[in-house]
């Protein structure tokens, strides 16, 4: 039996749609590839993620791997509080006061330009704490090439060393966005990358500060890295004003506190992290 093929004429609507698409395509072509990302907003991806710059200079790689850590594998009841985006005059002193009163060390991922402007807030107060690199301007490093990322990290590295007397060994990319060039820069500068496994969700608990405390105290597991901020919108206060209650609640569960590097050391001591595994060394540290 022969197959019957029915040939259909395109409708007027289909012809019109095709013509409009052709015009749109020609317009985008005229706009040019260099302008299209900015026109569409792709040069500033959303917090949930976006495109990432390629590893555009693979010759810059110095090691086979770069450590990017969400938490530490350990059965020891130890956790690390981390604070991003500071220092700032409104809340960084409050956080430092609370930590000092509780005898808790933490890790501060500082923005270089903020540290340059507010060095007096933290000078002499960071003895028990660790300071990590959070870029110079808090730009989205995933949208920058290797030269741009390296400049953001190097400028911050220098001001951290100047203010604290210690060279940072950890970096956290703003928004948690990782691009290939960020990995290359971290590798070449000897940084380990630190992300997080728990975080303050102030927006969800805007009217229920005790709920934010309960969520952190109940959810934290051994080896967790907890994200908080000591600069930002007023909703941050939902967590910051109750930081002491979180510390008390975690202590009641038997937890101890450490900087991120100390936490990594705990993991190595308990045999869950091979010593030196995946860690880049060298770069611009003294």
Protein backbone atom coordinates (compact mmCIF):
# COMPACT_ATOMS: atom_id res chain seq x y z
CA UNK A 1 0.00 0.00 0.00
CA UNK A 2 1.42 3.33 -0.93
CA UNK A 3 1.80 5.99 1.73
CA UNK A 4 -0.21 9.14 1.22
CA UNK A 5 1.61 12.35 2.10
CA UNK A 6 -0.56 15.37 2.70
CA UNK A 7 1.13 18.63 1.81
CA UNK A 8 -0.24 21.55 3.80
CA UNK A 9 0.09 25.16 2.85
CA UNK A 10 1.59 27.36 5.56
CA UNK A 11 -0.97 29.56 7.21
CA UNK A 12 -0.80 33.33 7.11
CA UNK A 13 -0.06 33.30 10.85
CA UNK A 14 2.88 30.91 10.37
CA UNK A 15 4.29 33.07 7.60
CA UNK A 16 4.00 36.17 9.78
CA UNK A 17 5.66 34.44 12.74
CA UNK A 18 8.51 33.25 10.54
CA UNK A 19 9.02 36.73 9.18
CA UNK A 20 9.16 38.22 12.67
CA UNK A 21 11.70 35.63 13.80
CA UNK A 22 13.86 36.39 10.79
CA UNK A 23 13.75 40.10 11.56
CA UNK A 24 14.59 39.43 15.21
CA UNK A 25 17.51 37.23 14.21
CA UNK A 26 18.86 39.88 11.89
CA UNK A 27 18.51 42.49 14.64
CA UNK A 28 20.43 40.38 17.15
CA UNK A 29 23.11 39.77 14.58
CA UNK A 30 23.44 43.49 14.01
CA UNK A 31 23.61 44.05 17.77
CA UNK A 32 26.77 41.98 17.89
CA UNK A 33 27.97 39.19 20.13
CA UNK A 34 29.84 41.57 22.43
CA UNK A 35 26.72 43.57 23.31
CA UNK A 36 24.25 40.69 23.52
CA UNK A 37 25.22 39.50 27.04
CA UNK A 38 24.88 43.01 28.48
CA UNK A 39 21.62 43.67 26.60
CA UNK A 40 20.12 40.44 27.93
CA UNK A 41 21.50 40.89 31.43
CA UNK A 42 23.84 37.90 31.22
CA UNK A 43 26.76 39.99 32.38
CA UNK A 44 25.16 40.07 35.82
CA UNK A 45 23.75 36.59 36.44
CA UNK A 46 21.19 36.03 39.22
CA UNK A 47 22.21 34.86 42.68
CA UNK A 48 21.03 31.37 41.80
CA UNK A 49 23.75 31.08 39.16
CA UNK A 50 24.56 32.07 35.64
CA UNK A 51 27.19 31.57 33.00
CA UNK A 52 30.77 31.29 34.14
CA UNK A 53 33.89 32.56 32.43
CA UNK A 54 35.84 29.73 30.82
CA UNK A 55 39.22 28.59 32.09
CA UNK A 56 40.71 30.90 29.52
CA UNK A 57 44.39 30.42 30.41
CA UNK A 58 44.95 26.73 31.18
CA UNK A 59 48.72 27.32 31.11
CA UNK A 60 48.23 29.17 34.42
CA UNK A 61 47.31 25.93 36.21
CA UNK A 62 50.00 24.95 38.70
CA UNK A 63 48.38 21.91 40.30
CA UNK A 64 46.19 19.03 39.20
CA UNK A 65 43.37 19.96 41.59
CA UNK A 66 42.01 22.80 43.68
CA UNK A 67 40.14 22.19 46.92
CA UNK A 68 36.59 23.55 47.04
CA UNK A 69 35.08 22.66 50.39
CA UNK A 70 31.43 22.65 51.52
CA UNK A 71 32.04 20.95 54.88
CA UNK A 72 34.59 18.71 56.58
CA UNK A 73 34.09 14.99 56.89
CA UNK A 74 34.42 14.20 60.57
CA UNK A 75 32.47 12.54 63.36
CA UNK A 76 33.82 15.04 65.88
CA UNK A 77 31.15 17.53 67.06
CA UNK A 78 32.99 20.57 65.71
CA UNK A 79 31.55 23.32 63.46
CA UNK A 80 32.77 26.59 61.98
CA UNK A 81 30.90 29.88 61.87
CA UNK A 82 31.84 32.10 58.92
CA UNK A 83 30.89 35.74 58.31
CA UNK A 84 30.95 37.34 54.86
CA UNK A 85 31.17 40.85 53.36
CA UNK A 86 32.64 42.84 56.26
CA UNK A 87 34.01 44.55 58.04
CA UNK A 88 31.39 47.22 58.53
CA UNK A 89 30.70 49.69 61.34
CA UNK A 90 27.14 48.62 62.13
CA UNK A 91 27.46 44.92 62.89
CA UNK A 92 31.03 43.67 62.78
CA UNK A 93 31.78 45.01 66.30
CA UNK A 94 28.58 43.32 67.56
CA UNK A 95 29.64 39.99 66.09
CA UNK A 96 33.16 40.29 67.49
CA UNK A 97 31.77 41.18 70.94
CA UNK A 98 29.44 38.16 70.93
CA UNK A 99 32.20 35.80 69.83
CA UNK A 100 34.60 37.20 72.44
CA UNK A 101 32.05 36.85 75.22
CA UNK A 102 31.36 33.24 74.23
CA UNK A 103 35.01 32.40 73.59
CA UNK A 104 34.25 31.23 70.05
CA UNK A 105 36.67 31.53 67.09
CA UNK A 106 35.25 32.17 63.62
CA UNK A 107 36.33 32.82 60.05
CA UNK A 108 35.65 36.20 58.43
CA UNK A 109 35.64 36.35 54.64
CA UNK A 110 36.38 40.03 54.16
CA UNK A 111 35.87 42.33 51.20
CA UNK A 112 39.14 44.15 50.54
CA UNK A 113 37.73 47.65 50.05
CA UNK A 114 35.69 47.30 53.26
CA UNK A 115 38.74 46.21 55.20
CA UNK A 116 40.74 49.11 53.78
CA UNK A 117 38.03 51.57 54.85
CA UNK A 118 37.28 50.05 58.26
CA UNK A 119 40.60 48.55 59.33
CA UNK A 120 40.35 50.28 62.70
CA UNK A 121 37.23 48.27 63.57
CA UNK A 122 39.09 44.97 63.54
CA UNK A 123 42.76 45.79 64.11
CA UNK A 124 43.83 44.01 67.28
CA UNK A 125 40.55 42.09 67.57
CA UNK A 126 41.15 39.18 65.22
CA UNK A 127 43.62 37.17 67.28
CA UNK A 128 41.52 34.01 67.69
CA UNK A 129 39.83 34.35 64.32
CA UNK A 130 40.74 33.52 60.74
CA UNK A 131 40.43 35.97 57.85
CA UNK A 132 39.72 34.78 54.32
CA UNK A 133 39.63 36.54 50.97
CA UNK A 134 36.18 37.55 49.64
CA UNK A 135 37.43 39.68 46.70
CA UNK A 136 38.14 43.40 46.55
CA UNK A 137 34.79 44.76 45.36
CA UNK A 138 32.36 41.83 45.82
CA UNK A 139 31.92 41.60 42.06
CA UNK A 140 30.76 38.31 40.55
CA UNK A 141 34.07 36.58 39.88
CA UNK A 142 32.38 34.06 37.59
CA UNK A 143 31.94 36.83 35.02
CA UNK A 144 35.62 37.90 35.03
CA UNK A 145 38.62 36.58 33.15
CA UNK A 146 41.76 35.37 34.87
CA UNK A 147 43.37 38.82 35.02
CA UNK A 148 40.24 40.32 36.57
CA UNK A 149 39.85 37.61 39.21
CA UNK A 150 43.55 37.72 40.08
CA UNK A 151 43.41 41.48 40.59
CA UNK A 152 40.35 41.18 42.88
CA UNK A 153 42.05 38.53 45.01
CA UNK A 154 45.57 39.99 45.02
CA UNK A 155 44.47 43.44 46.20
CA UNK A 156 42.49 41.89 49.04
CA UNK A 157 45.30 39.50 49.91
CA UNK A 158 47.66 42.43 50.36
CA UNK A 159 45.34 44.47 52.60
CA UNK A 160 44.52 41.43 54.77
CA UNK A 161 48.23 40.79 55.30
CA UNK A 162 48.82 44.48 56.01
CA UNK A 163 46.03 44.78 58.61
CA UNK A 164 46.26 41.38 60.31
CA UNK A 165 49.92 40.50 59.84
CA UNK A 166 48.85 37.13 58.44
CA UNK A 167 48.49 36.01 54.82
CA UNK A 168 45.10 34.44 54.01
CA UNK A 169 44.99 30.88 52.72
CA UNK A 170 41.23 30.60 52.09
CA UNK A 171 38.94 32.40 49.67
CA UNK A 172 35.18 32.43 49.17
CA UNK A 173 33.76 33.68 45.86
CA UNK A 174 30.96 36.25 46.20
CA UNK A 175 27.50 34.65 45.85
CA UNK A 176 29.22 31.25 45.82
CA UNK A 177 29.68 31.62 42.04
CA UNK A 178 32.61 29.66 40.65
CA UNK A 179 34.00 30.13 37.15
CA UNK A 180 36.95 28.49 35.52
CA UNK A 181 39.06 31.63 35.92
CA UNK A 182 38.30 31.71 39.65
CA UNK A 183 39.63 28.18 39.99
CA UNK A 184 42.76 29.09 38.04
CA UNK A 185 43.37 32.19 40.16
CA UNK A 186 42.84 30.28 43.40
CA UNK A 187 45.25 27.61 42.20
CA UNK A 188 47.95 30.04 41.14
CA UNK A 189 47.71 31.99 44.41
CA UNK A 190 47.65 28.94 46.67
CA UNK A 191 44.09 29.36 47.93
CA UNK A 192 41.62 26.72 49.03
CA UNK A 193 38.02 27.62 48.19
CA UNK A 194 35.46 27.52 51.00
CA UNK A 195 31.70 27.38 50.43
CA UNK A 196 29.17 26.30 53.07
CA UNK A 197 26.80 23.53 54.16
CA UNK A 198 24.47 25.52 56.45
CA UNK A 199 23.37 29.14 56.23
CA UNK A 200 21.34 31.78 58.00
CA UNK A 201 17.99 32.27 56.25
CA UNK A 202 16.98 35.60 57.74
CA UNK A 203 14.37 36.35 55.09
CA UNK A 204 12.47 33.16 55.94
CA UNK A 205 12.53 33.98 59.67
CA UNK A 206 12.03 37.75 59.51
CA UNK A 207 9.21 37.59 62.06
CA UNK A 208 10.56 34.60 63.98
CA UNK A 209 14.13 35.08 65.26
CA UNK A 210 13.75 32.09 67.58
CA UNK A 211 12.89 30.01 64.54
CA UNK A 212 16.21 30.94 62.95
CA UNK A 213 17.98 29.83 66.14
CA UNK A 214 16.12 26.52 66.20
CA UNK A 215 16.84 25.82 62.55
CA UNK A 216 20.59 26.26 62.97
CA UNK A 217 20.82 24.44 66.29
CA UNK A 218 18.74 21.49 65.09
CA UNK A 219 20.21 21.19 61.58
CA UNK A 220 23.95 21.49 62.21
CA UNK A 221 25.99 18.31 61.86
CA UNK A 222 29.64 17.60 62.71
CA UNK A 223 31.96 19.31 60.23
CA UNK A 224 29.44 21.88 59.01
CA UNK A 225 30.53 25.29 57.75
CA UNK A 226 27.86 27.86 58.61
CA UNK A 227 27.36 30.96 56.46
CA UNK A 228 26.38 34.29 58.02
CA UNK A 229 26.99 37.96 57.13
CA UNK A 230 28.22 40.89 59.20
CA UNK A 231 27.31 43.45 56.50
CA UNK A 232 24.10 43.77 54.50
CA UNK A 233 20.39 44.56 54.79
CA UNK A 234 18.65 44.93 58.14
CA UNK A 235 17.23 41.40 57.97
CA UNK A 236 20.71 40.16 58.92
CA UNK A 237 19.90 41.21 62.48
CA UNK A 238 17.47 38.29 62.78
CA UNK A 239 20.52 36.06 63.00
CA UNK A 240 23.18 38.36 64.40
CA UNK A 241 21.21 39.41 67.48
CA UNK A 242 20.63 35.74 68.31
CA UNK A 243 24.13 34.50 67.58
CA UNK A 244 24.74 33.94 71.28
CA UNK A 245 21.62 31.79 71.54
CA UNK A 246 22.82 29.67 68.60
CA UNK A 247 26.19 29.17 70.27
CA UNK A 248 24.50 28.17 73.55
CA UNK A 249 22.16 25.77 71.76
CA UNK A 250 24.97 24.09 69.86
CA UNK A 251 27.04 23.79 73.02
CA UNK A 252 24.08 22.13 74.71
CA UNK A 253 24.23 19.55 71.91
CA UNK A 254 27.91 18.97 72.65
CA UNK A 255 29.40 20.99 69.79
CA UNK A 256 32.73 22.82 69.84
CA UNK A 257 33.74 25.67 67.54
CA UNK A 258 36.69 26.23 65.24
CA UNK A 259 37.93 28.35 62.39
CA UNK A 260 37.65 26.71 58.98
CA UNK A 261 41.34 25.81 58.93
CA UNK A 262 41.09 24.34 62.43
CA UNK A 263 38.05 22.35 61.33
CA UNK A 264 39.99 20.97 58.36
CA UNK A 265 42.72 19.98 60.82
CA UNK A 266 40.17 18.09 62.93
CA UNK A 267 39.12 16.17 59.83
CA UNK A 268 42.73 15.31 59.02
CA UNK A 269 43.39 14.14 62.58
CA UNK A 270 40.38 11.81 62.54
CA UNK A 271 41.52 10.30 59.27
CA UNK A 272 38.61 11.53 57.15
CA UNK A 273 40.74 14.01 55.17
CA UNK A 274 44.11 12.78 53.86
CA UNK A 275 46.73 15.30 54.96
CA UNK A 276 47.57 17.66 52.09
CA UNK A 277 45.03 16.08 49.75
CA UNK A 278 44.01 18.44 46.97
CA UNK A 279 45.59 21.45 48.61
CA UNK A 280 47.35 23.97 46.39
CA UNK A 281 50.53 25.53 47.73
CA UNK A 282 52.80 28.35 46.70
CA UNK A 283 51.70 31.58 45.03
CA UNK A 284 52.02 34.98 46.59
CA UNK A 285 52.13 34.05 50.27
CA UNK A 286 55.32 35.10 52.05
